Each structure stands twice: as C-alpha cells, then as structure tokens.
Amino acid sequence: MASGKTTIGEELAKVLHYRFIDLDQFIEKQEGQSIKAIFELHGEDKFREIENKALRDVAAMEGNIVIASGGGTSCFYNCVDFMNKSGVTVYLRAEVEELLARLIESKTERPLLWGKSKDELNNYIIRVLDERKKYYEKAKITVRINDINAENLAATIRAIND
C-alpha cells in the first residue's frame, strides 16, 4: 500500500511501450462498484476471490502488460507464484516510515485502513509488512521506492526477458 505501484507502473509501461492495467481499477470496472463497496458489501474474502480471477484474466490478455496489483494480491491463491510464472515481478520496497507518511497524506480511501489512528496505522504497516514479506521477497526484482527509476527498471526487465 502506498509504495507507488500505479505511478511507477504507468511510467514503466510507457518506457517499455507496454499496456498498463491497474488491477484495482480493472476490478472496479468489471464489478461495477468501488473496491470500498466490494469490501463493505462482501468482505475481504470475496474481494480476494474477485481479485484472483481479475489477475488471471488480465494476465491472459494479448500483448505485453504492466500490471499494478494491490498490496495483498501476491499473498492469496498462490498469486505470487502465478505472477512469477507469467512475467517479471517487481517488489517496490519501502520502509515503514515512508509508507506511513504516504498513507497519512493519501486522499485515497483504503478499506483495510479505515478508522485507524497514526499509531494504529504504524503498527498495522509493521504487522502487514512482516506477514507479507515472504510473498514480496519472491519477486524477481526488488527496488527501493526512493531509488526507483523507470528507465533503469525497464533495462533490468529487458535483460531478464532476453
């Protein structure tokens, strides 16, 4: 969450001349409702089912695509292994302090963060990063968010694909 997946994904897609798809936006269009509404009406488990199907649908599309998945996508339904088999995965690594600052400034509503104080949010970030670390670290490429450069990342991806 708040690592810059959509922003970097869009930049990377432009550099690579690939199509870009934000998985959350794709889900909202397919479902005809916001991620927030899906969480509120159906809960996280149903959302993760929908997300899993959406990921596989997008991966099956023709052409080269940069997909910005949600922060939890890789942690359910063996999605990280599926993503690694389907393409080049990138973990945008950030420190807790960086994510906390970004989330506090963020205007986007994030269902898993509703109603949390700054301290609760900090503790939540620590817990979630710890839980998800084993999935995130399976990515083929890890880049710190403060060091990211779409051109350099594109060159690394091209080298892996060659």
Protein backbone atom coordinates (compact mmCIF):
# COMPACT_ATOMS: atom_id res chain seq x y z
CA MET A 1 0.00 0.00 0.00
CA ALA A 2 1.26 3.45 -0.99
CA SER A 3 4.51 2.17 -2.46
CA GLY A 4 3.77 3.83 -5.80
CA LYS A 5 2.73 0.78 -7.82
CA THR A 6 0.33 2.67 -10.08
CA THR A 7 2.63 5.65 -10.63
CA ILE A 8 5.70 3.54 -11.35
CA GLY A 9 3.64 1.04 -13.32
CA GLU A 10 2.36 3.75 -15.65
CA GLU A 11 5.88 5.16 -16.13
CA LEU A 12 7.35 1.71 -16.72
CA ALA A 13 4.66 0.82 -19.25
CA LYS A 14 5.43 3.99 -21.22
CA VAL A 15 9.16 3.26 -21.27
CA LEU A 16 8.61 -0.35 -22.33
CA HIS A 17 5.81 0.55 -24.76
CA TYR A 18 3.52 -1.90 -22.94
CA ARG A 19 -0.10 -1.54 -21.98
CA PHE A 20 -0.76 -0.60 -18.35
CA ILE A 21 -3.51 -2.01 -16.15
CA ASP A 22 -4.13 -1.10 -12.52
CA LEU A 23 -5.76 -4.24 -11.14
CA ASP A 24 -7.97 -2.37 -8.66
CA GLN A 25 -9.31 -0.12 -11.43
CA PHE A 26 -9.89 -3.17 -13.62
CA ILE A 27 -11.84 -4.84 -10.80
CA GLU A 28 -13.96 -1.74 -10.21
CA LYS A 29 -14.85 -1.57 -13.90
CA GLN A 30 -15.62 -5.30 -14.13
CA GLU A 31 -17.67 -5.35 -10.92
CA GLY A 32 -19.37 -2.01 -11.45
CA GLN A 33 -18.54 -0.92 -7.92
CA SER A 34 -15.64 0.50 -5.95
CA ILE A 35 -13.15 -1.60 -4.01
CA LYS A 36 -14.57 0.06 -0.89
CA ALA A 37 -18.09 -1.11 -1.80
CA ILE A 38 -16.89 -4.64 -2.51
CA PHE A 39 -15.23 -4.78 0.91
CA GLU A 40 -18.26 -3.31 2.66
CA LEU A 41 -20.84 -5.49 0.91
CA HIS A 42 -18.96 -8.77 0.53
CA GLY A 43 -15.89 -8.68 2.81
CA GLU A 44 -12.21 -9.26 2.17
CA ASP A 45 -12.51 -12.97 1.34
CA LYS A 46 -14.89 -12.29 -1.57
CA PHE A 47 -12.71 -9.40 -2.72
CA ARG A 48 -9.66 -11.70 -2.81
CA GLU A 49 -11.61 -14.20 -4.96
CA ILE A 50 -12.58 -11.43 -7.37
CA GLU A 51 -9.00 -10.11 -7.37
CA ASN A 52 -7.56 -13.55 -8.12
CA LYS A 53 -9.88 -14.04 -11.10
CA ALA A 54 -9.15 -10.50 -12.35
CA LEU A 55 -5.40 -11.07 -12.17
CA ARG A 56 -5.67 -14.24 -14.21
CA ASP A 57 -8.00 -12.57 -16.72
CA VAL A 58 -5.58 -9.67 -17.20
CA ALA A 59 -2.57 -11.98 -17.48
CA ALA A 60 -4.37 -13.90 -20.25
CA MET A 61 -4.81 -10.78 -22.37
CA GLU A 62 -2.90 -10.40 -25.60
CA GLY A 63 0.30 -8.36 -25.68
CA ASN A 64 2.73 -7.14 -23.08
CA ILE A 65 1.19 -5.57 -20.00
CA VAL A 66 2.49 -3.91 -16.86
CA ILE A 67 0.07 -4.78 -14.07
CA ALA A 68 -0.08 -2.79 -10.85
CA SER A 69 -1.53 -5.27 -8.41
CA GLY A 70 -2.89 -4.46 -5.00
CA GLY A 71 -0.63 -4.75 -1.96
CA GLY A 72 -2.23 -8.03 -0.92
CA THR A 73 -2.65 -9.64 -4.32
CA SER A 74 0.50 -11.73 -4.13
CA CYS A 75 -0.46 -13.17 -0.72
CA PHE A 76 -3.56 -15.12 -1.73
CA TYR A 77 -4.37 -18.02 -4.06
CA ASN A 78 -0.69 -18.62 -4.89
CA CYS A 79 -0.81 -15.43 -6.94
CA VAL A 80 2.86 -14.61 -6.40
CA ASP A 81 3.86 -17.92 -7.98
CA PHE A 82 1.38 -17.37 -10.80
CA MET A 83 2.78 -13.87 -11.40
CA ASN A 84 6.36 -15.17 -11.41
CA LYS A 85 5.45 -17.80 -14.00
CA SER A 86 3.56 -15.25 -16.10
CA GLY A 87 6.12 -12.46 -16.20
CA VAL A 88 8.65 -10.36 -14.36
CA THR A 89 7.59 -9.37 -10.86
CA VAL A 90 8.82 -6.27 -9.07
CA TYR A 91 8.67 -5.59 -5.33
CA LEU A 92 8.65 -1.87 -4.59
CA ARG A 93 10.26 -1.97 -1.16
CA ALA A 94 9.64 0.82 1.32
CA GLU A 95 10.42 1.49 4.95
CA VAL A 96 7.59 1.73 7.47
CA GLU A 97 8.18 5.47 7.94
CA GLU A 98 7.92 6.10 4.19
CA LEU A 99 4.68 4.18 3.91
CA LEU A 100 3.21 5.83 7.00
CA ALA A 101 3.92 9.31 5.62
CA ARG A 102 2.45 8.41 2.23
CA LEU A 103 -0.67 6.84 3.72
CA ILE A 104 -1.31 9.79 6.03
CA GLU A 105 -1.04 12.15 3.05
CA SER A 106 -3.07 9.88 0.77
CA LYS A 107 -6.54 11.04 -0.14
CA THR A 108 -7.47 7.58 -1.41
CA GLU A 109 -9.75 5.54 0.79
CA ARG A 110 -8.20 2.21 1.67
CA PRO A 111 -10.59 -0.35 3.14
CA LEU A 112 -8.05 -2.08 5.37
CA LEU A 113 -7.07 1.26 6.98
CA TRP A 114 -10.48 2.68 7.81
CA GLY A 115 -10.65 4.36 11.22
CA LYS A 116 -7.02 3.78 12.23
CA SER A 117 -5.09 6.40 14.24
CA LYS A 118 -1.48 7.23 13.30
CA ASP A 119 -0.14 4.78 15.92
CA GLU A 120 -2.58 2.08 14.84
CA LEU A 121 -1.63 2.68 11.23
CA ASN A 122 2.09 2.43 12.06
CA ASN A 123 1.53 -0.85 13.91
CA TYR A 124 -0.64 -2.12 11.08
CA ILE A 125 2.06 -1.38 8.49
CA ILE A 126 4.68 -3.17 10.60
CA ARG A 127 2.42 -6.22 11.03
CA VAL A 128 1.35 -6.39 7.38
CA LEU A 129 4.87 -5.99 6.01
CA ASP A 130 6.03 -8.75 8.34
CA GLU A 131 3.17 -11.05 7.22
CA ARG A 132 3.61 -10.30 3.52
CA LYS A 133 7.41 -10.21 3.41
CA LYS A 134 7.69 -13.89 2.39
CA TYR A 135 5.48 -13.21 -0.64
CA TYR A 136 7.01 -9.87 -1.60
CA GLU A 137 10.53 -11.28 -1.46
CA LYS A 138 9.63 -13.88 -4.10
CA ALA A 139 9.59 -11.09 -6.70
CA LYS A 140 12.22 -11.37 -9.39
CA ILE A 141 13.30 -7.75 -8.83
CA THR A 142 13.34 -5.70 -5.64
CA VAL A 143 13.68 -1.92 -5.85
CA ARG A 144 13.59 0.58 -3.00
CA ILE A 145 10.92 3.17 -3.73
CA ASN A 146 13.32 6.05 -3.09
CA ASP A 147 15.78 4.67 -5.66
CA ILE A 148 13.34 3.78 -8.40
CA ASN A 149 13.84 4.94 -11.95
CA ALA A 150 11.55 3.66 -14.70
CA GLU A 151 14.32 3.68 -17.32
CA ASN A 152 16.68 1.60 -15.16
CA LEU A 153 13.89 -0.76 -14.13
CA ALA A 154 12.92 -1.21 -17.79
CA ALA A 155 16.53 -2.08 -18.67
CA THR A 156 16.59 -4.71 -15.91
CA ILE A 157 13.31 -6.19 -17.13
CA ARG A 158 14.55 -6.30 -20.72
CA ALA A 159 17.69 -8.11 -19.55
CA ILE A 160 15.61 -10.72 -17.72
CA ASN A 161 13.35 -11.21 -20.75
CA ASP A 162 16.26 -11.66 -23.19
